[in-house]
Amino acid sequence: MINEHITTGHWIFAAVFMTLFVIYLAWSYKKDAPVHKYFYSGTVYLLLGIITLLFLIFVFAKVF
């Protein structure tokens, strides 16, 4: 089995790495939040447009 070669040290390293990585991601996102509000303010409309387009394609594919 593959779990035979995974020691307790590997699991500890993975847990510490994951914890620190998530903390870093949260800190980085919080630091960049004002920039995101400025540059990506209209992206919700783009997302809604893409979802609507995909929905229309799905509907027309079922009808025709």
PDB file of N, CA and C in Angstrom:
ATOM      1  N   MET A   1       0.824  -1.190   0.000  1.00  0.00           N
ATOM      2  CA  MET A   1       0.000   0.000   0.000  1.00  0.00           C
ATOM      3  C   MET A   1       0.863   1.247   0.000  1.00  0.00           C
ATOM      4  N   ILE A   2       0.252   2.333  -0.416  1.00  0.00           N
ATOM      5  CA  ILE A   2       0.993   3.584  -0.499  1.00  0.00           C
ATOM      6  C   ILE A   2       1.195   4.223   0.870  1.00  0.00           C
ATOM      7  N   ASN A   3       0.308   3.948   1.828  1.00  0.00           N
ATOM      8  CA  ASN A   3       0.421   4.551   3.159  1.00  0.00           C
ATOM      9  C   ASN A   3       1.540   3.952   3.990  1.00  0.00           C
ATOM     10  N   GLU A   4       2.156   2.878   3.528  1.00  0.00           N
ATOM     11  CA  GLU A   4       3.234   2.254   4.279  1.00  0.00           C
ATOM     12  C   GLU A   4       4.433   3.185   4.421  1.00  0.00           C
ATOM     13  N   HIS A   5       4.652   4.046   3.441  1.00  0.00           N
ATOM     14  CA  HIS A   5       5.845   4.879   3.416  1.00  0.00           C
ATOM     15  C   HIS A   5       5.599   6.278   3.974  1.00  0.00           C
ATOM     16  N   ILE A   6       4.397   6.565   4.409  1.00  0.00           N
ATOM     17  CA  ILE A   6       4.094   7.877   4.976  1.00  0.00           C
ATOM     18  C   ILE A   6       4.208   7.775   6.491  1.00  0.00           C
ATOM     19  N   THR A   7       5.215   8.458   7.014  1.00  0.00           N
ATOM     20  CA  THR A   7       5.469   8.386   8.453  1.00  0.00           C
ATOM     21  C   THR A   7       4.724   9.498   9.190  1.00  0.00           C
ATOM     22  N   THR A   8       4.807   9.452  10.498  1.00  0.00           N
ATOM     23  CA  THR A   8       4.183  10.487  11.325  1.00  0.00           C
ATOM     24  C   THR A   8       4.803  11.853  11.037  1.00  0.00           C
ATOM     25  N   GLY A   9       6.093  11.860  10.765  1.00  0.00           N
ATOM     26  CA  GLY A   9       6.766  13.118  10.433  1.00  0.00           C
ATOM     27  C   GLY A   9       6.211  13.753   9.174  1.00  0.00           C
ATOM     28  N   HIS A  10       5.872  12.926   8.193  1.00  0.00           N
ATOM     29  CA  HIS A  10       5.271  13.444   6.967  1.00  0.00           C
ATOM     30  C   HIS A  10       3.925  14.098   7.258  1.00  0.00           C
ATOM     31  N   TRP A  11       3.112  13.444   8.094  1.00  0.00           N
ATOM     32  CA  TRP A  11       1.792  13.993   8.429  1.00  0.00           C
ATOM     33  C   TRP A  11       1.919  15.304   9.194  1.00  0.00           C
ATOM     34  N   ILE A  12       2.889  15.373  10.104  1.00  0.00           N
ATOM     35  CA  ILE A  12       3.116  16.609  10.858  1.00  0.00           C
ATOM     36  C   ILE A  12       3.544  17.726   9.918  1.00  0.00           C
ATOM     37  N   PHE A  13       4.474  17.435   9.024  1.00  0.00           N
ATOM     38  CA  PHE A  13       4.920  18.431   8.056  1.00  0.00           C
ATOM     39  C   PHE A  13       3.753  18.906   7.190  1.00  0.00           C
ATOM     40  N   ALA A  14       2.935  17.974   6.717  1.00  0.00           N
ATOM     41  CA  ALA A  14       1.791  18.339   5.874  1.00  0.00           C
ATOM     42  C   ALA A  14       0.818  19.231   6.636  1.00  0.00           C
ATOM     43  N   ALA A  15       0.539  18.924   7.883  1.00  0.00           N
ATOM     44  CA  ALA A  15      -0.397  19.724   8.681  1.00  0.00           C
ATOM     45  C   ALA A  15       0.152  21.129   8.932  1.00  0.00           C
ATOM     46  N   VAL A  16       1.439  21.219   9.288  1.00  0.00           N
ATOM     47  CA  VAL A  16       2.050  22.529   9.530  1.00  0.00           C
ATOM     48  C   VAL A  16       2.086  23.335   8.241  1.00  0.00           C
ATOM     49  N   PHE A  17       2.477  22.714   7.151  1.00  0.00           N
ATOM     50  CA  PHE A  17       2.548  23.399   5.872  1.00  0.00           C
ATOM     51  C   PHE A  17       1.175  23.918   5.460  1.00  0.00           C
ATOM     52  N   MET A  18       0.153  23.083   5.563  1.00  0.00           N
ATOM     53  CA  MET A  18      -1.192  23.485   5.173  1.00  0.00           C
ATOM     54  C   MET A  18      -1.687  24.636   6.039  1.00  0.00           C
ATOM     55  N   THR A  19      -1.458  24.559   7.336  1.00  0.00           N
ATOM     56  CA  THR A  19      -1.897  25.614   8.244  1.00  0.00           C
ATOM     57  C   THR A  19      -1.229  26.947   7.907  1.00  0.00           C
ATOM     58  N   LEU A  20       0.082  26.918   7.748  1.00  0.00           N
ATOM     59  CA  LEU A  20       0.809  28.147   7.429  1.00  0.00           C
ATOM     60  C   LEU A  20       0.420  28.688   6.056  1.00  0.00           C
ATOM     61  N   PHE A  21       0.185  27.816   5.098  1.00  0.00           N
ATOM     62  CA  PHE A  21      -0.199  28.240   3.760  1.00  0.00           C
ATOM     63  C   PHE A  21      -1.562  28.924   3.777  1.00  0.00           C
ATOM     64  N   VAL A  22      -2.516  28.375   4.504  1.00  0.00           N
ATOM     65  CA  VAL A  22      -3.854  28.979   4.589  1.00  0.00           C
ATOM     66  C   VAL A  22      -3.778  30.326   5.310  1.00  0.00           C
ATOM     67  N   ILE A  23      -2.974  30.417   6.355  1.00  0.00           N
ATOM     68  CA  ILE A  23      -2.809  31.692   7.052  1.00  0.00           C
ATOM     69  C   ILE A  23      -2.202  32.732   6.119  1.00  0.00           C
ATOM     70  N   TYR A  24      -1.202  32.342   5.347  1.00  0.00           N
ATOM     71  CA  TYR A  24      -0.578  33.264   4.395  1.00  0.00           C
ATOM     72  C   TYR A  24      -1.570  33.709   3.326  1.00  0.00           C
ATOM     73  N   LEU A  25      -2.389  32.778   2.816  1.00  0.00           N
ATOM     74  CA  LEU A  25      -3.389  33.151   1.819  1.00  0.00           C
ATOM     75  C   LEU A  25      -4.396  34.146   2.376  1.00  0.00           C
ATOM     76  N   ALA A  26      -4.852  33.922   3.593  1.00  0.00           N
ATOM     77  CA  ALA A  26      -5.816  34.837   4.212  1.00  0.00           C
ATOM     78  C   ALA A  26      -5.190  36.214   4.417  1.00  0.00           C
ATOM     79  N   TRP A  27      -3.964  36.264   4.885  1.00  0.00           N
ATOM     80  CA  TRP A  27      -3.274  37.531   5.101  1.00  0.00           C
ATOM     81  C   TRP A  27      -3.078  38.269   3.778  1.00  0.00           C
ATOM     82  N   SER A  28      -2.672  37.554   2.761  1.00  0.00           N
ATOM     83  CA  SER A  28      -2.440  38.161   1.459  1.00  0.00           C
ATOM     84  C   SER A  28      -3.736  38.695   0.859  1.00  0.00           C
ATOM     85  N   TYR A  29      -4.816  37.938   0.990  1.00  0.00           N
ATOM     86  CA  TYR A  29      -6.099  38.389   0.461  1.00  0.00           C
ATOM     87  C   TYR A  29      -6.571  39.637   1.201  1.00  0.00           C
ATOM     88  N   LYS A  30      -6.426  39.650   2.519  1.00  0.00           N
ATOM     89  CA  LYS A  30      -6.853  40.806   3.307  1.00  0.00           C
ATOM     90  C   LYS A  30      -6.040  42.036   2.938  1.00  0.00           C
ATOM     91  N   LYS A  31      -4.765  41.858   2.683  1.00  0.00           N
ATOM     92  CA  LYS A  31      -3.896  42.969   2.319  1.00  0.00           C
ATOM     93  C   LYS A  31      -4.269  43.534   0.947  1.00  0.00           C
ATOM     94  N   ASP A  32      -4.691  42.688   0.023  1.00  0.00           N
ATOM     95  CA  ASP A  32      -5.001  43.116  -1.337  1.00  0.00           C
ATOM     96  C   ASP A  32      -6.475  43.443  -1.558  1.00  0.00           C
ATOM     97  N   ALA A  33      -7.309  43.355  -0.553  1.00  0.00           N
ATOM     98  CA  ALA A  33      -8.749  43.571  -0.719  1.00  0.00           C
ATOM     99  C   ALA A  33      -9.090  44.942  -1.309  1.00  0.00           C
ATOM    100  N   PRO A  34      -8.461  46.039  -0.869  1.00  0.00           N
ATOM    101  CA  PRO A  34      -8.795  47.330  -1.491  1.00  0.00           C
ATOM    102  C   PRO A  34      -8.457  47.387  -2.979  1.00  0.00           C
ATOM    103  N   VAL A  35      -7.383  46.739  -3.369  1.00  0.00           N
ATOM    104  CA  VAL A  35      -6.996  46.709  -4.784  1.00  0.00           C
ATOM    105  C   VAL A  35      -8.011  45.908  -5.580  1.00  0.00           C
ATOM    106  N   HIS A  36      -8.495  44.802  -5.020  1.00  0.00           N
ATOM    107  CA  HIS A  36      -9.487  43.976  -5.704  1.00  0.00           C
ATOM    108  C   HIS A  36     -10.776  44.748  -5.920  1.00  0.00           C
ATOM    109  N   LYS A  37     -11.193  45.542  -4.936  1.00  0.00           N
ATOM    110  CA  LYS A  37     -12.416  46.331  -5.073  1.00  0.00           C
ATOM    111  C   LYS A  37     -12.282  47.346  -6.201  1.00  0.00           C
ATOM    112  N   TYR A  38     -11.100  47.889  -6.394  1.00  0.00           N
ATOM    113  CA  TYR A  38     -10.890  48.892  -7.438  1.00  0.00           C
ATOM    114  C   TYR A  38     -10.827  48.265  -8.826  1.00  0.00           C
ATOM    115  N   PHE A  39     -10.028  47.226  -8.987  1.00  0.00           N
ATOM    116  CA  PHE A  39      -9.787  46.658 -10.314  1.00  0.00           C
ATOM    117  C   PHE A  39     -10.851  45.662 -10.762  1.00  0.00           C
ATOM    118  N   TYR A  40     -11.526  44.992  -9.844  1.00  0.00           N
ATOM    119  CA  TYR A  40     -12.459  43.938 -10.209  1.00  0.00           C
ATOM    120  C   TYR A  40     -13.892  44.272  -9.808  1.00  0.00           C
ATOM    121  N   SER A  41     -14.239  45.553  -9.852  1.00  0.00           N
ATOM    122  CA  SER A  41     -15.563  45.961  -9.389  1.00  0.00           C
ATOM    123  C   SER A  41     -16.679  45.504 -10.327  1.00  0.00           C
ATOM    124  N   GLY A  42     -16.435  45.380 -11.635  1.00  0.00           N
ATOM    125  CA  GLY A  42     -17.491  45.011 -12.567  1.00  0.00           C
ATOM    126  C   GLY A  42     -17.499  43.557 -12.990  1.00  0.00           C
ATOM    127  N   THR A  43     -16.701  42.741 -12.366  1.00  0.00           N
ATOM    128  CA  THR A  43     -16.600  41.355 -12.807  1.00  0.00           C
ATOM    129  C   THR A  43     -17.845  40.543 -12.511  1.00  0.00           C
ATOM    130  N   VAL A  44     -18.665  40.983 -11.559  1.00  0.00           N
ATOM    131  CA  VAL A  44     -19.895  40.243 -11.258  1.00  0.00           C
ATOM    132  C   VAL A  44     -20.827  40.267 -12.469  1.00  0.00           C
ATOM    133  N   TYR A  45     -20.823  41.370 -13.220  1.00  0.00           N
ATOM    134  CA  TYR A  45     -21.658  41.446 -14.417  1.00  0.00           C
ATOM    135  C   TYR A  45     -21.141  40.525 -15.515  1.00  0.00           C
ATOM    136  N   LEU A  46     -19.841  40.416 -15.632  1.00  0.00           N
ATOM    137  CA  LEU A  46     -19.255  39.480 -16.595  1.00  0.00           C
ATOM    138  C   LEU A  46     -19.621  38.047 -16.233  1.00  0.00           C
ATOM    139  N   LEU A  47     -19.531  37.705 -14.975  1.00  0.00           N
ATOM    140  CA  LEU A  47     -19.892  36.363 -14.524  1.00  0.00           C
ATOM    141  C   LEU A  47     -21.363  36.067 -14.791  1.00  0.00           C
ATOM    142  N   LEU A  48     -22.230  37.019 -14.490  1.00  0.00           N
ATOM    143  CA  LEU A  48     -23.660  36.837 -14.767  1.00  0.00           C
ATOM    144  C   LEU A  48     -23.921  36.683 -16.260  1.00  0.00           C
ATOM    145  N   GLY A  49     -23.204  37.430 -17.080  1.00  0.00           N
ATOM    146  CA  GLY A  49     -23.347  37.311 -18.525  1.00  0.00           C
ATOM    147  C   GLY A  49     -22.925  35.942 -19.036  1.00  0.00           C
ATOM    148  N   ILE A  50     -21.831  35.433 -18.525  1.00  0.00           N
ATOM    149  CA  ILE A  50     -21.356  34.110 -18.945  1.00  0.00           C
ATOM    150  C   ILE A  50     -22.336  33.027 -18.512  1.00  0.00           C
ATOM    151  N   ILE A  51     -22.839  33.126 -17.278  1.00  0.00           N
ATOM    152  CA  ILE A  51     -23.813  32.139 -16.787  1.00  0.00           C
ATOM    153  C   ILE A  51     -25.082  32.192 -17.626  1.00  0.00           C
ATOM    154  N   THR A  52     -25.553  33.408 -17.951  1.00  0.00           N
ATOM    155  CA  THR A  52     -26.748  33.549 -18.787  1.00  0.00           C
ATOM    156  C   THR A  52     -26.517  32.957 -20.173  1.00  0.00           C
ATOM    157  N   LEU A  53     -25.371  33.234 -20.755  1.00  0.00           N
ATOM    158  CA  LEU A  53     -25.048  32.688 -22.073  1.00  0.00           C
ATOM    159  C   LEU A  53     -25.029  31.161 -22.047  1.00  0.00           C
ATOM    160  N   LEU A  54     -24.398  30.577 -21.055  1.00  0.00           N
ATOM    161  CA  LEU A  54     -24.359  29.116 -20.951  1.00  0.00           C
ATOM    162  C   LEU A  54     -25.755  28.538 -20.747  1.00  0.00           C
ATOM    163  N   PHE A  55     -26.577  29.217 -19.952  1.00  0.00           N
ATOM    164  CA  PHE A  55     -27.947  28.768 -19.745  1.00  0.00           C
ATOM    165  C   PHE A  55     -28.738  28.814 -21.051  1.00  0.00           C
ATOM    166  N   LEU A  56     -28.590  29.887 -21.815  1.00  0.00           N
ATOM    167  CA  LEU A  56     -29.302  30.002 -23.097  1.00  0.00           C
ATOM    168  C   LEU A  56     -28.842  28.936 -24.083  1.00  0.00           C
ATOM    169  N   ILE A  57     -27.561  28.666 -24.129  1.00  0.00           N
ATOM    170  CA  ILE A  57     -27.053  27.610 -25.001  1.00  0.00           C
ATOM    171  C   ILE A  57     -27.646  26.266 -24.591  1.00  0.00           C
ATOM    172  N   PHE A  58     -27.707  26.008 -23.297  1.00  0.00           N
ATOM    173  CA  PHE A  58     -28.290  24.765 -22.798  1.00  0.00           C
ATOM    174  C   PHE A  58     -29.764  24.658 -23.172  1.00  0.00           C
ATOM    175  N   VAL A  59     -30.504  25.742 -22.999  1.00  0.00           N
ATOM    176  CA  VAL A  59     -31.944  25.733 -23.309  1.00  0.00           C
ATOM    177  C   VAL A  59     -32.164  25.522 -24.798  1.00  0.00           C
ATOM    178  N   PHE A  60     -31.455  26.265 -25.636  1.00  0.00           N
ATOM    179  CA  PHE A  60     -31.634  26.122 -27.085  1.00  0.00           C
ATOM    180  C   PHE A  60     -31.169  24.759 -27.589  1.00  0.00           C
ATOM    181  N   ALA A  61     -30.171  24.168 -26.940  1.00  0.00           N
ATOM    182  CA  ALA A  61     -29.721  22.844 -27.346  1.00  0.00           C
ATOM    183  C   ALA A  61     -30.790  21.800 -27.028  1.00  0.00           C
ATOM    184  N   LYS A  62     -31.543  21.996 -25.954  1.00  0.00           N
ATOM    185  CA  LYS A  62     -32.608  21.059 -25.606  1.00  0.00           C
ATOM    186  C   LYS A  62     -33.841  21.255 -26.494  1.00  0.00           C
ATOM    187  N   VAL A  63     -34.120  22.505 -26.888  1.00  0.00           N
ATOM    188  CA  VAL A  63     -35.318  22.804 -27.675  1.00  0.00           C
ATOM    189  C   VAL A  63     -35.136  22.370 -29.130  1.00  0.00           C
ATOM    190  N   PHE A  64     -33.981  22.656 -29.700  1.00  0.00           N
ATOM    191  CA  PHE A  64     -33.773  22.365 -31.128  1.00  0.00           C
ATOM    192  C   PHE A  64     -33.013  21.101 -31.304  1.00  0.00           C
TER     193      PHE A  64
END
